[in-house]
Amino acid sequence: MKLTEEQRKGQRILFKIIREAWENESFKKALIDNPEETISKFLGQKIPFRKKIIVTDQSNQDYLYINIPIKPNDKDVDDHLFNE
C-alpha cells in the first residue's frame, strides 16, 4: 500500500516524537502522562486532536506487546486476514 504525502508527513512526525522519547526521559514521562499537551508543545503549535491519544511504554524486552486495532468493517478484509 502506497502512503499519501499526508501519511508520510504524519509518519515522520511520529518518528521524531518516538526518537525524543527514547533520548529524553522527562519527555517520555510527559508524553505518557499528557500526550496531547506534550505533542503540541513538542511541535510548537496547538494541535486539534480528533481522537484521544494513549501512550504506553512498550520498551521492556521481556514482554511481547499486542495492540488490538479497530475491527475492519469490510468482511472480505476480515476473511482474508483470518483465513490464511
Protein backbone atom coordinates (compact mmCIF):
# COMPACT_ATOMS: atom_id res chain seq x y z
CA MET A 1 0.00 0.00 0.00
CA LYS A 2 1.37 3.36 -1.02
CA LEU A 3 1.27 6.15 1.56
CA THR A 4 -0.09 9.59 0.72
CA GLU A 5 2.08 12.64 1.34
CA GLU A 6 -0.05 13.46 4.40
CA GLN A 7 0.52 9.95 5.78
CA ARG A 8 4.27 10.21 5.16
CA LYS A 9 4.33 13.57 6.95
CA GLY A 10 2.45 12.06 9.91
CA GLN A 11 4.87 9.15 9.97
CA ARG A 12 7.89 11.48 10.04
CA ILE A 13 6.36 13.42 12.94
CA LEU A 14 5.63 10.20 14.82
CA PHE A 15 9.23 9.02 14.34
CA LYS A 16 10.52 12.36 15.71
CA ILE A 17 8.29 12.00 18.79
CA ILE A 18 9.45 8.42 19.37
CA ARG A 19 13.11 9.39 18.98
CA GLU A 20 12.68 12.21 21.51
CA ALA A 21 11.02 9.79 23.97
CA TRP A 22 13.96 7.39 23.58
CA GLU A 23 16.50 10.13 24.22
CA ASN A 24 14.71 12.24 26.85
CA GLU A 25 13.24 10.51 29.91
CA SER A 26 11.30 13.59 31.11
CA PHE A 27 9.73 13.99 27.64
CA LYS A 28 8.77 10.30 27.69
CA LYS A 29 7.09 10.67 31.09
CA ALA A 30 5.22 13.79 29.95
CA LEU A 31 4.19 12.03 26.74
CA ILE A 32 2.73 9.12 28.72
CA ASP A 33 1.06 11.38 31.32
CA ASN A 34 -0.37 14.01 28.95
CA PRO A 35 0.15 13.11 25.29
CA GLU A 36 -1.93 15.85 23.65
CA GLU A 37 -0.27 18.71 25.53
CA THR A 38 3.22 17.21 25.19
CA ILE A 39 2.88 16.67 21.44
CA SER A 40 1.53 20.20 20.93
CA LYS A 41 4.47 21.65 22.88
CA PHE A 42 6.95 19.47 21.00
CA LEU A 43 5.60 20.59 17.63
CA GLY A 44 5.33 24.22 18.75
CA GLN A 45 1.65 24.59 17.95
CA LYS A 46 -1.74 23.65 19.36
CA ILE A 47 -2.90 20.51 17.62
CA PRO A 48 -6.67 19.87 17.27
CA PHE A 49 -6.73 16.17 18.11
CA ARG A 50 -9.82 14.37 16.80
CA LYS A 51 -9.24 11.33 18.98
CA LYS A 52 -7.90 10.68 22.45
CA ILE A 53 -4.26 9.62 22.45
CA ILE A 54 -2.99 6.86 24.73
CA VAL A 55 0.77 6.37 25.01
CA THR A 56 2.19 3.24 26.60
CA ASP A 57 5.82 2.42 27.20
CA GLN A 58 6.45 -0.81 25.32
CA SER A 59 10.22 -0.82 25.68
CA ASN A 60 10.57 -3.76 28.08
CA GLN A 61 12.19 -6.51 26.00
CA ASP A 62 10.87 -9.18 28.37
CA TYR A 63 7.34 -8.65 27.04
CA LEU A 64 5.59 -9.07 23.71
CA TYR A 65 3.12 -6.21 23.29
CA ILE A 66 -0.01 -6.68 21.20
CA ASN A 67 -2.11 -3.76 20.05
CA ILE A 68 -5.68 -4.72 19.19
CA PRO A 69 -6.76 -2.47 16.30
CA ILE A 70 -10.26 -1.44 15.30
CA LYS A 71 -12.12 -4.31 13.67
CA PRO A 72 -12.47 -3.71 9.90
CA ASN A 73 -15.96 -3.17 8.51
CA ASP A 74 -15.19 -4.98 5.28
CA LYS A 75 -16.00 -8.70 5.63
CA ASP A 76 -13.64 -9.57 2.76
CA VAL A 77 -10.72 -7.95 4.59
CA ASP A 78 -11.72 -9.78 7.76
CA ASP A 79 -11.95 -13.13 5.94
CA HIS A 80 -8.63 -12.58 4.16
CA LEU A 81 -6.77 -11.76 7.38
CA PHE A 82 -8.02 -14.66 9.44
CA ASN A 83 -8.44 -17.50 6.95
CA GLU A 84 -4.87 -17.95 5.76
